[in-house]
Amino acid sequence: MTELDLPLELSAPAKLNLCLYLGPRRKDGLHELTSIFEPLTLHDTITVSAGGRQALVDQVICPGVPGENLVSQVIRMMRSEGWSPPLLKVEIEKRIPVQAGLGGGSADAAAILRLGVGEVEDLAGLALLLGADVPSQLNPKPLLVEGVGQKLTTLPVPAEHWVVLLPFEMGLSTRAVFDEADRMKLGRSQEEIDELSGRLWAVATNGVSPLAYPALLVNDLEPAAISLKPEIGIAKERLESAGAGFTGMTGTGPTVFGLFSDRESAQSAADEIGPEAIVCQGGVT
């Protein structure tokens, strides 16, 4: 039987897409892409404890998030691969906004997958089955992400920079954004995606702040997301007015972000915008 030193407290950091280039759609419906992911100090906290004598199944508690949690699927999949701790009680304290393009659900799933290191074979394969963002969260760090999310190349920790996030109360469906992007014909050729991957690698391997290469911080899904939620453009304008050195949208949105060179300027901007703004450091957990 798998032994865990319970209770455990796990950290599940959010991820930011500094850029996201959309490639061709494959026969399986997924898209080729290239992106730079970086972890943020913003994180969910997961407490794992024993289920108790009366427990009949593993229990996952995540207040405010309806429906089956991805963590429940993770535990079932790991158990099917021979992972055999006693029945568990998993409590998730959400700080990462839901359906925000920040990989919160993927981060939670990856945190639980990490408990199987050394015991469950092909954790990366299980991660990819759970979602395109999950493999990158198994070991949160700056990454060049290619393919459909399975090709990961480690990047050096970037120079200090801070991020102000502006999430929305209502998120966007990942599928809806990709479908809209297809409708708008936003995808690039594979040759262009490969060329952009090389350019991103060349600048990011220097360990500089992303503020050093703003021209490459493009999210091809942004026009599709704005088509579905025009308020995204307004949120970017608010960040620009507050002094952000760059503004963008993460993932499939709708969360927008502003980049700042130091904590003081980021906090000042967040204070100007209001309580919905979230300040965190980029590139570290």
C-alpha atoms as a PDB file:
ATOM      1  CA  MET A   1       0.000   0.000   0.000  1.00  0.00           C
ATOM      2  CA  THR A   2       1.239   3.496  -0.847  1.00  0.00           C
ATOM      3  CA  GLU A   3       2.283   5.392   2.266  1.00  0.00           C
ATOM      4  CA  LEU A   4       1.676   9.121   2.550  1.00  0.00           C
ATOM      5  CA  ASP A   5       2.706  11.217   5.518  1.00  0.00           C
ATOM      6  CA  LEU A   6      -0.725  12.701   6.159  1.00  0.00           C
ATOM      7  CA  PRO A   7      -1.949  15.368   6.440  1.00  0.00           C
ATOM      8  CA  LEU A   8      -0.131  17.042   3.551  1.00  0.00           C
ATOM      9  CA  GLU A   9      -0.348  20.633   2.369  1.00  0.00           C
ATOM     10  CA  LEU A  10       0.369  21.145  -1.317  1.00  0.00           C
ATOM     11  CA  SER A  11       0.859  24.334  -3.315  1.00  0.00           C
ATOM     12  CA  ALA A  12      -0.610  24.542  -6.820  1.00  0.00           C
ATOM     13  CA  PRO A  13       0.721  27.664  -8.580  1.00  0.00           C
ATOM     14  CA  ALA A  14      -1.097  29.461 -11.373  1.00  0.00           C
ATOM     15  CA  LYS A  15       0.519  29.664 -14.799  1.00  0.00           C
ATOM     16  CA  LEU A  16       0.664  32.641 -17.102  1.00  0.00           C
ATOM     17  CA  ASN A  17       0.842  32.395 -20.880  1.00  0.00           C
ATOM     18  CA  LEU A  18       3.202  35.232 -21.725  1.00  0.00           C
ATOM     19  CA  CYS A  19       2.362  34.507 -25.358  1.00  0.00           C
ATOM     20  CA  LEU A  20       0.405  31.916 -27.309  1.00  0.00           C
ATOM     21  CA  TYR A  21       0.773  31.310 -31.028  1.00  0.00           C
ATOM     22  CA  LEU A  22      -1.920  29.186 -32.633  1.00  0.00           C
ATOM     23  CA  GLY A  23      -0.911  26.641 -35.247  1.00  0.00           C
ATOM     24  CA  PRO A  24      -2.956  24.409 -37.544  1.00  0.00           C
ATOM     25  CA  ARG A  25      -5.802  22.259 -36.271  1.00  0.00           C
ATOM     26  CA  ARG A  26      -5.005  18.555 -36.267  1.00  0.00           C
ATOM     27  CA  LYS A  27      -7.271  15.699 -37.282  1.00  0.00           C
ATOM     28  CA  ASP A  28      -8.032  14.991 -33.605  1.00  0.00           C
ATOM     29  CA  GLY A  29      -9.379  18.535 -33.207  1.00  0.00           C
ATOM     30  CA  LEU A  30      -6.440  19.805 -31.143  1.00  0.00           C
ATOM     31  CA  HIS A  31      -4.198  22.650 -32.299  1.00  0.00           C
ATOM     32  CA  GLU A  32      -0.457  22.866 -32.620  1.00  0.00           C
ATOM     33  CA  LEU A  33       0.844  25.819 -30.634  1.00  0.00           C
ATOM     34  CA  THR A  34       3.886  27.456 -29.162  1.00  0.00           C
ATOM     35  CA  SER A  35       3.835  29.392 -25.915  1.00  0.00           C
ATOM     36  CA  ILE A  36       5.923  30.534 -22.985  1.00  0.00           C
ATOM     37  CA  PHE A  37       4.425  29.456 -19.679  1.00  0.00           C
ATOM     38  CA  GLU A  38       5.641  30.854 -16.396  1.00  0.00           C
ATOM     39  CA  PRO A  39       4.489  30.045 -12.867  1.00  0.00           C
ATOM     40  CA  LEU A  40       3.131  32.747 -10.596  1.00  0.00           C
ATOM     41  CA  THR A  41       3.291  33.207  -6.855  1.00  0.00           C
ATOM     42  CA  LEU A  42      -0.535  33.126  -6.936  1.00  0.00           C
ATOM     43  CA  HIS A  43      -1.513  29.592  -5.922  1.00  0.00           C
ATOM     44  CA  ASP A  44      -4.218  27.271  -4.645  1.00  0.00           C
ATOM     45  CA  THR A  45      -3.585  25.421  -1.382  1.00  0.00           C
ATOM     46  CA  ILE A  46      -4.529  21.733  -1.231  1.00  0.00           C
ATOM     47  CA  THR A  47      -4.797  19.812   2.038  1.00  0.00           C
ATOM     48  CA  VAL A  48      -4.687  16.015   1.767  1.00  0.00           C
ATOM     49  CA  SER A  49      -5.745  14.016   4.811  1.00  0.00           C
ATOM     50  CA  ALA A  50      -7.025  10.542   5.631  1.00  0.00           C
ATOM     51  CA  GLY A  51     -10.636   9.908   4.690  1.00  0.00           C
ATOM     52  CA  GLY A  52     -11.581   8.505   8.076  1.00  0.00           C
ATOM     53  CA  ARG A  53     -13.039   5.169   9.125  1.00  0.00           C
ATOM     54  CA  GLN A  54     -16.476   5.840   7.666  1.00  0.00           C
ATOM     55  CA  ALA A  55     -15.184   6.895   4.252  1.00  0.00           C
ATOM     56  CA  LEU A  56     -16.366   4.778   1.325  1.00  0.00           C
ATOM     57  CA  VAL A  57     -14.734   6.788  -1.480  1.00  0.00           C
ATOM     58  CA  ASP A  58     -12.083   9.451  -1.907  1.00  0.00           C
ATOM     59  CA  GLN A  59     -13.596  12.853  -1.142  1.00  0.00           C
ATOM     60  CA  VAL A  60     -12.672  16.086  -2.951  1.00  0.00           C
ATOM     61  CA  ILE A  61     -13.992  19.338  -1.483  1.00  0.00           C
ATOM     62  CA  CYS A  62     -13.638  22.561  -3.440  1.00  0.00           C
ATOM     63  CA  PRO A  63     -16.059  25.255  -2.218  1.00  0.00           C
ATOM     64  CA  GLY A  64     -17.496  27.486  -4.911  1.00  0.00           C
ATOM     65  CA  VAL A  65     -16.627  25.191  -7.828  1.00  0.00           C
ATOM     66  CA  PRO A  66     -19.638  23.081  -8.872  1.00  0.00           C
ATOM     67  CA  GLY A  67     -19.485  19.745 -10.670  1.00  0.00           C
ATOM     68  CA  GLU A  68     -16.880  17.021 -10.544  1.00  0.00           C
ATOM     69  CA  ASN A  69     -13.403  18.323  -9.818  1.00  0.00           C
ATOM     70  CA  LEU A  70     -10.501  17.327 -12.061  1.00  0.00           C
ATOM     71  CA  VAL A  71      -8.714  16.138  -8.917  1.00  0.00           C
ATOM     72  CA  SER A  72     -11.314  13.370  -8.536  1.00  0.00           C
ATOM     73  CA  GLN A  73     -10.417  12.125 -12.021  1.00  0.00           C
ATOM     74  CA  VAL A  74      -6.722  12.268 -11.157  1.00  0.00           C
ATOM     75  CA  ILE A  75      -7.153  10.096  -8.080  1.00  0.00           C
ATOM     76  CA  ARG A  76      -9.246   7.531  -9.992  1.00  0.00           C
ATOM     77  CA  MET A  77      -6.667   7.355 -12.781  1.00  0.00           C
ATOM     78  CA  MET A  78      -3.759   6.973 -10.359  1.00  0.00           C
ATOM     79  CA  ARG A  79      -5.557   4.236  -8.442  1.00  0.00           C
ATOM     80  CA  SER A  80      -6.238   2.416 -11.722  1.00  0.00           C
ATOM     81  CA  GLU A  81      -2.454   2.457 -12.248  1.00  0.00           C
ATOM     82  CA  GLY A  82      -1.794   0.806  -8.888  1.00  0.00           C
ATOM     83  CA  TRP A  83      -1.464   3.818  -6.594  1.00  0.00           C
ATOM     84  CA  SER A  84      -2.970   2.612  -3.322  1.00  0.00           C
ATOM     85  CA  PRO A  85      -2.979   4.990  -0.362  1.00  0.00           C
ATOM     86  CA  PRO A  86      -5.902   4.785   2.089  1.00  0.00           C
ATOM     87  CA  LEU A  87      -9.045   6.649   1.070  1.00  0.00           C
ATOM     88  CA  LEU A  88      -8.324  10.369   0.999  1.00  0.00           C
ATOM     89  CA  LYS A  89     -10.019  13.629   1.851  1.00  0.00           C
ATOM     90  CA  VAL A  90      -8.763  16.436  -0.416  1.00  0.00           C
ATOM     91  CA  GLU A  91      -9.699  20.036   0.397  1.00  0.00           C
ATOM     92  CA  ILE A  92      -8.872  22.740  -2.153  1.00  0.00           C
ATOM     93  CA  GLU A  93      -8.649  26.384  -1.119  1.00  0.00           C
ATOM     94  CA  LYS A  94      -9.098  28.278  -4.389  1.00  0.00           C
ATOM     95  CA  ARG A  95      -7.161  31.484  -4.895  1.00  0.00           C
ATOM     96  CA  ILE A  96      -6.717  31.075  -8.649  1.00  0.00           C
ATOM     97  CA  PRO A  97      -9.855  32.355 -10.423  1.00  0.00           C
ATOM     98  CA  VAL A  98     -11.888  29.643 -12.176  1.00  0.00           C
ATOM     99  CA  GLN A  99     -12.110  29.442 -16.012  1.00  0.00           C
ATOM    100  CA  ALA A 100      -9.676  32.340 -16.161  1.00  0.00           C
ATOM    101  CA  GLY A 101      -6.921  31.058 -18.461  1.00  0.00           C
ATOM    102  CA  LEU A 102      -4.589  30.680 -15.457  1.00  0.00           C
ATOM    103  CA  GLY A 103      -4.557  26.877 -15.308  1.00  0.00           C
ATOM    104  CA  GLY A 104      -6.031  26.593 -11.826  1.00  0.00           C
ATOM    105  CA  GLY A 105      -7.731  23.231 -12.356  1.00  0.00           C
ATOM    106  CA  SER A 106      -4.655  21.897 -14.136  1.00  0.00           C
ATOM    107  CA  ALA A 107      -2.436  23.102 -11.292  1.00  0.00           C
ATOM    108  CA  ASP A 108      -4.585  21.291  -8.721  1.00  0.00           C
ATOM    109  CA  ALA A 109      -4.540  18.092 -10.792  1.00  0.00           C
ATOM    110  CA  ALA A 110      -0.776  18.237 -11.257  1.00  0.00           C
ATOM    111  CA  ALA A 111      -0.201  18.774  -7.538  1.00  0.00           C
ATOM    112  CA  ILE A 112      -1.996  15.490  -6.815  1.00  0.00           C
ATOM    113  CA  LEU A 113      -0.178  13.712  -9.667  1.00  0.00           C
ATOM    114  CA  ARG A 114       3.125  14.683  -8.036  1.00  0.00           C
ATOM    115  CA  LEU A 115       2.200  12.428  -5.103  1.00  0.00           C
ATOM    116  CA  GLY A 116       2.671   9.485  -7.469  1.00  0.00           C
ATOM    117  CA  VAL A 117       6.263  10.265  -8.457  1.00  0.00           C
ATOM    118  CA  GLY A 118       8.293   7.059  -8.312  1.00  0.00           C
ATOM    119  CA  GLU A 119       5.183   4.890  -7.951  1.00  0.00           C
ATOM    120  CA  VAL A 120       2.972   5.576 -10.977  1.00  0.00           C
ATOM    121  CA  GLU A 121       4.417   4.989 -14.413  1.00  0.00           C
ATOM    122  CA  ASP A 122       4.125   7.630 -17.131  1.00  0.00           C
ATOM    123  CA  LEU A 123       2.753  10.467 -15.031  1.00  0.00           C
ATOM    124  CA  ALA A 124       3.344  12.752 -18.013  1.00  0.00           C
ATOM    125  CA  GLY A 125       1.075  10.554 -20.130  1.00  0.00           C
ATOM    126  CA  LEU A 126      -1.666  10.686 -17.511  1.00  0.00           C
ATOM    127  CA  ALA A 127      -1.215  14.437 -17.282  1.00  0.00           C
ATOM    128  CA  LEU A 128      -1.746  14.886 -21.022  1.00  0.00           C
ATOM    129  CA  LEU A 129      -4.922  12.778 -20.889  1.00  0.00           C
ATOM    130  CA  LEU A 130      -6.277  15.174 -18.265  1.00  0.00           C
ATOM    131  CA  GLY A 131      -5.661  18.336 -20.291  1.00  0.00           C
ATOM    132  CA  ALA A 132      -3.132  20.215 -22.387  1.00  0.00           C
ATOM    133  CA  ASP A 133      -1.978  22.428 -19.488  1.00  0.00           C
ATOM    134  CA  VAL A 134      -1.471  19.637 -16.951  1.00  0.00           C
ATOM    135  CA  PRO A 135       1.951  18.303 -18.129  1.00  0.00           C
ATOM    136  CA  SER A 136       3.535  21.730 -17.717  1.00  0.00           C
ATOM    137  CA  GLN A 137       2.290  21.920 -14.125  1.00  0.00           C
ATOM    138  CA  LEU A 138       3.927  18.682 -12.985  1.00  0.00           C
ATOM    139  CA  ASN A 139       7.072  20.681 -12.276  1.00  0.00           C
ATOM    140  CA  PRO A 140       6.065  24.353 -12.309  1.00  0.00           C
ATOM    141  CA  LYS A 141       8.827  26.448 -13.878  1.00  0.00           C
ATOM    142  CA  PRO A 142       9.325  28.670 -16.931  1.00  0.00           C
ATOM    143  CA  LEU A 143       8.810  26.580 -20.062  1.00  0.00           C
ATOM    144  CA  LEU A 144       8.683  26.793 -23.818  1.00  0.00           C
ATOM    145  CA  VAL A 145       5.589  24.741 -24.630  1.00  0.00           C
ATOM    146  CA  GLU A 146       5.058  23.252 -28.093  1.00  0.00           C
ATOM    147  CA  GLY A 147       2.941  20.651 -29.887  1.00  0.00           C
ATOM    148  CA  VAL A 148      -0.397  20.249 -28.135  1.00  0.00           C
ATOM    149  CA  GLY A 149       1.168  20.972 -24.755  1.00  0.00           C
ATOM    150  CA  GLN A 150       3.278  17.823 -24.455  1.00  0.00           C
ATOM    151  CA  LYS A 151       6.639  19.156 -25.669  1.00  0.00           C
ATOM    152  CA  LEU A 152       8.235  21.064 -22.800  1.00  0.00           C
ATOM    153  CA  THR A 153      11.616  22.792 -22.797  1.00  0.00           C
ATOM    154  CA  THR A 154      12.889  24.303 -19.549  1.00  0.00           C
ATOM    155  CA  LEU A 155      13.791  27.982 -19.620  1.00  0.00           C
ATOM    156  CA  PRO A 156      15.961  29.859 -17.120  1.00  0.00           C
ATOM    157  CA  VAL A 157      14.234  31.855 -14.395  1.00  0.00           C
ATOM    158  CA  PRO A 158      13.617  35.297 -15.896  1.00  0.00           C
ATOM    159  CA  ALA A 159      14.772  38.581 -14.415  1.00  0.00           C
ATOM    160  CA  GLU A 160      12.465  40.040 -11.786  1.00  0.00           C
ATOM    161  CA  HIS A 161       9.091  41.214 -13.013  1.00  0.00           C
ATOM    162  CA  TRP A 162       5.668  41.558 -11.460  1.00  0.00           C
ATOM    163  CA  VAL A 163       2.217  40.839 -12.783  1.00  0.00           C
ATOM    164  CA  VAL A 164      -1.137  42.467 -12.152  1.00  0.00           C
ATOM    165  CA  LEU A 165      -4.035  40.206 -13.099  1.00  0.00           C
ATOM    166  CA  LEU A 166      -7.537  41.394 -13.922  1.00  0.00           C
ATOM    167  CA  PRO A 167      -9.869  38.378 -13.843  1.00  0.00           C
ATOM    168  CA  PHE A 168     -13.584  38.388 -14.616  1.00  0.00           C
ATOM    169  CA  GLU A 169     -16.458  37.092 -12.550  1.00  0.00           C
ATOM    170  CA  MET A 170     -17.554  34.880 -15.444  1.00  0.00           C
ATOM    171  CA  GLY A 171     -14.963  32.862 -17.343  1.00  0.00           C
ATOM    172  CA  LEU A 172     -14.808  31.692 -20.932  1.00  0.00           C
ATOM    173  CA  SER A 173     -15.117  28.170 -22.276  1.00  0.00           C
ATOM    174  CA  THR A 174     -11.814  26.964 -23.716  1.00  0.00           C
ATOM    175  CA  ARG A 175     -13.632  25.129 -26.487  1.00  0.00           C
ATOM    176  CA  ALA A 176     -15.717  28.181 -27.380  1.00  0.00           C
ATOM    177  CA  VAL A 177     -12.600  30.325 -27.757  1.00  0.00           C
ATOM    178  CA  PHE A 178     -10.837  27.775 -29.974  1.00  0.00           C
ATOM    179  CA  ASP A 179     -13.987  27.337 -32.071  1.00  0.00           C
ATOM    180  CA  GLU A 180     -14.224  31.098 -32.528  1.00  0.00           C
ATOM    181  CA  ALA A 181     -10.534  31.247 -33.442  1.00  0.00           C
ATOM    182  CA  ASP A 182     -11.154  28.600 -36.118  1.00  0.00           C
ATOM    183  CA  ARG A 183     -14.138  30.534 -37.394  1.00  0.00           C
ATOM    184  CA  MET A 184     -11.987  33.661 -37.618  1.00  0.00           C
ATOM    185  CA  LYS A 185      -9.165  31.661 -39.266  1.00  0.00           C
ATOM    186  CA  LEU A 186      -6.578  32.876 -36.741  1.00  0.00           C
ATOM    187  CA  GLY A 187      -4.272  29.833 -36.998  1.00  0.00           C
ATOM    188  CA  ARG A 188      -0.783  30.027 -38.480  1.00  0.00           C
ATOM    189  CA  SER A 189       1.109  27.537 -40.627  1.00  0.00           C
ATOM    190  CA  GLN A 190       3.312  24.910 -38.984  1.00  0.00           C
ATOM    191  CA  GLU A 191       6.352  26.539 -40.602  1.00  0.00           C
ATOM    192  CA  GLU A 192       5.541  29.864 -38.951  1.00  0.00           C
ATOM    193  CA  ILE A 193       4.934  28.189 -35.594  1.00  0.00           C
ATOM    194  CA  ASP A 194       8.321  26.441 -35.796  1.00  0.00           C
ATOM    195  CA  GLU A 195      10.056  29.712 -36.688  1.00  0.00           C
ATOM    196  CA  LEU A 196       8.386  31.510 -33.775  1.00  0.00           C
ATOM    197  CA  SER A 197       9.422  28.737 -31.371  1.00  0.00           C
ATOM    198  CA  GLY A 198      13.024  29.355 -32.361  1.00  0.00           C
ATOM    199  CA  ARG A 199      12.696  33.095 -31.798  1.00  0.00           C
ATOM    200  CA  LEU A 200      11.081  32.614 -28.393  1.00  0.00           C
ATOM    201  CA  TRP A 201      13.800  30.179 -27.364  1.00  0.00           C
ATOM    202  CA  ALA A 202      16.513  32.592 -28.446  1.00  0.00           C
ATOM    203  CA  VAL A 203      15.256  35.487 -26.303  1.00  0.00           C
ATOM    204  CA  ALA A 204      13.950  33.583 -23.275  1.00  0.00           C
ATOM    205  CA  THR A 205      17.135  31.550 -22.757  1.00  0.00           C
ATOM    206  CA  ASN A 206      18.906  34.777 -21.836  1.00  0.00           C
ATOM    207  CA  GLY A 207      16.984  34.924 -18.561  1.00  0.00           C
ATOM    208  CA  VAL A 208      15.712  38.436 -19.260  1.00  0.00           C
ATOM    209  CA  SER A 209      12.399  39.879 -18.152  1.00  0.00           C
ATOM    210  CA  PRO A 210       9.580  39.423 -20.674  1.00  0.00           C
ATOM    211  CA  LEU A 211       9.449  43.221 -20.717  1.00  0.00           C
ATOM    212  CA  ALA A 212      12.630  42.955 -22.828  1.00  0.00           C
ATOM    213  CA  TYR A 213      10.784  41.333 -25.770  1.00  0.00           C
ATOM    214  CA  PRO A 214       7.235  42.760 -25.872  1.00  0.00           C
ATOM    215  CA  ALA A 215       6.916  42.372 -29.660  1.00  0.00           C
ATOM    216  CA  LEU A 216       6.894  38.586 -29.227  1.00  0.00           C
ATOM    217  CA  LEU A 217       4.249  38.579 -26.475  1.00  0.00           C
ATOM    218  CA  VAL A 218       1.346  37.846 -28.805  1.00  0.00           C
ATOM    219  CA  ASN A 219      -1.726  35.780 -27.978  1.00  0.00           C
ATOM    220  CA  ASP A 220      -3.361  34.644 -31.219  1.00  0.00           C
ATOM    221  CA  LEU A 221      -6.529  33.702 -29.301  1.00  0.00           C
ATOM    222  CA  GLU A 222      -7.106  37.232 -28.043  1.00  0.00           C
ATOM    223  CA  PRO A 223      -9.246  38.406 -31.019  1.00  0.00           C
ATOM    224  CA  ALA A 224     -11.469  35.339 -30.599  1.00  0.00           C
ATOM    225  CA  ALA A 225     -11.846  35.919 -26.863  1.00  0.00           C
ATOM    226  CA  ILE A 226     -12.619  39.616 -27.390  1.00  0.00           C
ATOM    227  CA  SER A 227     -15.227  38.622 -29.977  1.00  0.00           C
ATOM    228  CA  LEU A 228     -16.939  36.587 -27.251  1.00  0.00           C
ATOM    229  CA  LYS A 229     -16.236  39.027 -24.407  1.00  0.00           C
ATOM    230  CA  PRO A 230     -15.513  42.597 -25.561  1.00  0.00           C
ATOM    231  CA  GLU A 231     -14.827  43.708 -21.987  1.00  0.00           C
ATOM    232  CA  ILE A 232     -11.372  42.139 -22.332  1.00  0.00           C
ATOM    233  CA  GLY A 233     -10.262  45.120 -24.400  1.00  0.00           C
ATOM    234  CA  ILE A 234     -11.525  47.539 -21.763  1.00  0.00           C
ATOM    235  CA  ALA A 235      -9.644  45.674 -19.031  1.00  0.00           C
ATOM    236  CA  LYS A 236      -6.409  45.952 -21.029  1.00  0.00           C
ATOM    237  CA  GLU A 237      -6.949  49.697 -21.354  1.00  0.00           C
ATOM    238  CA  ARG A 238      -7.341  49.980 -17.587  1.00  0.00           C
ATOM    239  CA  LEU A 239      -3.986  48.282 -17.072  1.00  0.00           C
ATOM    240  CA  GLU A 240      -2.306  50.462 -19.687  1.00  0.00           C
ATOM    241  CA  SER A 241      -3.682  53.599 -18.000  1.00  0.00           C
ATOM    242  CA  ALA A 242      -2.319  52.341 -14.674  1.00  0.00           C
ATOM    243  CA  GLY A 243       1.206  52.196 -16.106  1.00  0.00           C
ATOM    244  CA  ALA A 244       1.727  48.603 -17.235  1.00  0.00           C
ATOM    245  CA  GLY A 245       4.803  48.123 -19.419  1.00  0.00           C
ATOM    246  CA  PHE A 246       2.889  45.521 -21.397  1.00  0.00           C
ATOM    247  CA  THR A 247      -0.653  44.185 -21.352  1.00  0.00           C
ATOM    248  CA  GLY A 248      -1.874  40.855 -22.660  1.00  0.00           C
ATOM    249  CA  MET A 249      -4.382  38.058 -22.211  1.00  0.00           C
ATOM    250  CA  THR A 250      -3.415  34.705 -20.731  1.00  0.00           C
ATOM    251  CA  GLY A 251      -4.424  31.384 -22.278  1.00  0.00           C
ATOM    252  CA  THR A 252      -7.941  31.341 -23.669  1.00  0.00           C
ATOM    253  CA  GLY A 253      -8.823  34.263 -21.393  1.00  0.00           C
ATOM    254  CA  PRO A 254     -10.614  36.120 -20.206  1.00  0.00           C
ATOM    255  CA  THR A 255      -8.028  37.206 -17.606  1.00  0.00           C
ATOM    256  CA  VAL A 256      -5.798  40.030 -18.766  1.00  0.00           C
ATOM    257  CA  PHE A 257      -2.438  40.891 -17.254  1.00  0.00           C
ATOM    258  CA  GLY A 258      -0.057  43.800 -17.034  1.00  0.00           C
ATOM    259  CA  LEU A 259       3.706  43.451 -16.631  1.00  0.00           C
ATOM    260  CA  PHE A 260       5.704  45.680 -14.304  1.00  0.00           C
ATOM    261  CA  SER A 261       9.406  45.877 -13.509  1.00  0.00           C
ATOM    262  CA  ASP A 262       9.034  45.945  -9.720  1.00  0.00           C
ATOM    263  CA  ARG A 263       6.614  45.199  -6.936  1.00  0.00           C
ATOM    264  CA  GLU A 264       6.034  48.832  -5.987  1.00  0.00           C
ATOM    265  CA  SER A 265       4.793  49.885  -9.424  1.00  0.00           C
ATOM    266  CA  ALA A 266       2.624  46.760  -9.681  1.00  0.00           C
ATOM    267  CA  GLN A 267       1.039  47.403  -6.288  1.00  0.00           C
ATOM    268  CA  SER A 268       0.485  51.066  -7.127  1.00  0.00           C
ATOM    269  CA  ALA A 269      -1.319  50.085 -10.338  1.00  0.00           C
ATOM    270  CA  ALA A 270      -3.454  47.517  -8.505  1.00  0.00           C
ATOM    271  CA  ASP A 271      -4.405  50.115  -5.888  1.00  0.00           C
ATOM    272  CA  GLU A 272      -5.462  52.489  -8.667  1.00  0.00           C
ATOM    273  CA  ILE A 273      -7.542  49.828 -10.449  1.00  0.00           C
ATOM    274  CA  GLY A 274      -9.347  48.457  -7.430  1.00  0.00           C
ATOM    275  CA  PRO A 275      -9.829  45.337  -5.287  1.00  0.00           C
ATOM    276  CA  GLU A 276     -10.361  43.008  -8.280  1.00  0.00           C
ATOM    277  CA  ALA A 277      -6.699  43.386  -9.288  1.00  0.00           C
ATOM    278  CA  ILE A 278      -4.333  40.630  -8.129  1.00  0.00           C
ATOM    279  CA  VAL A 279      -0.602  41.295  -7.689  1.00  0.00           C
ATOM    280  CA  CYS A 280       1.890  38.452  -7.992  1.00  0.00           C
ATOM    281  CA  GLN A 281       5.459  37.817  -9.081  1.00  0.00           C
ATOM    282  CA  GLY A 282       6.114  36.151 -12.418  1.00  0.00           C
ATOM    283  CA  GLY A 283       8.512  33.324 -13.202  1.00  0.00           C
ATOM    284  CA  VAL A 284       8.707  31.984  -9.642  1.00  0.00           C
ATOM    285  CA  THR A 285       6.432  30.049  -7.282  1.00  0.00           C
END
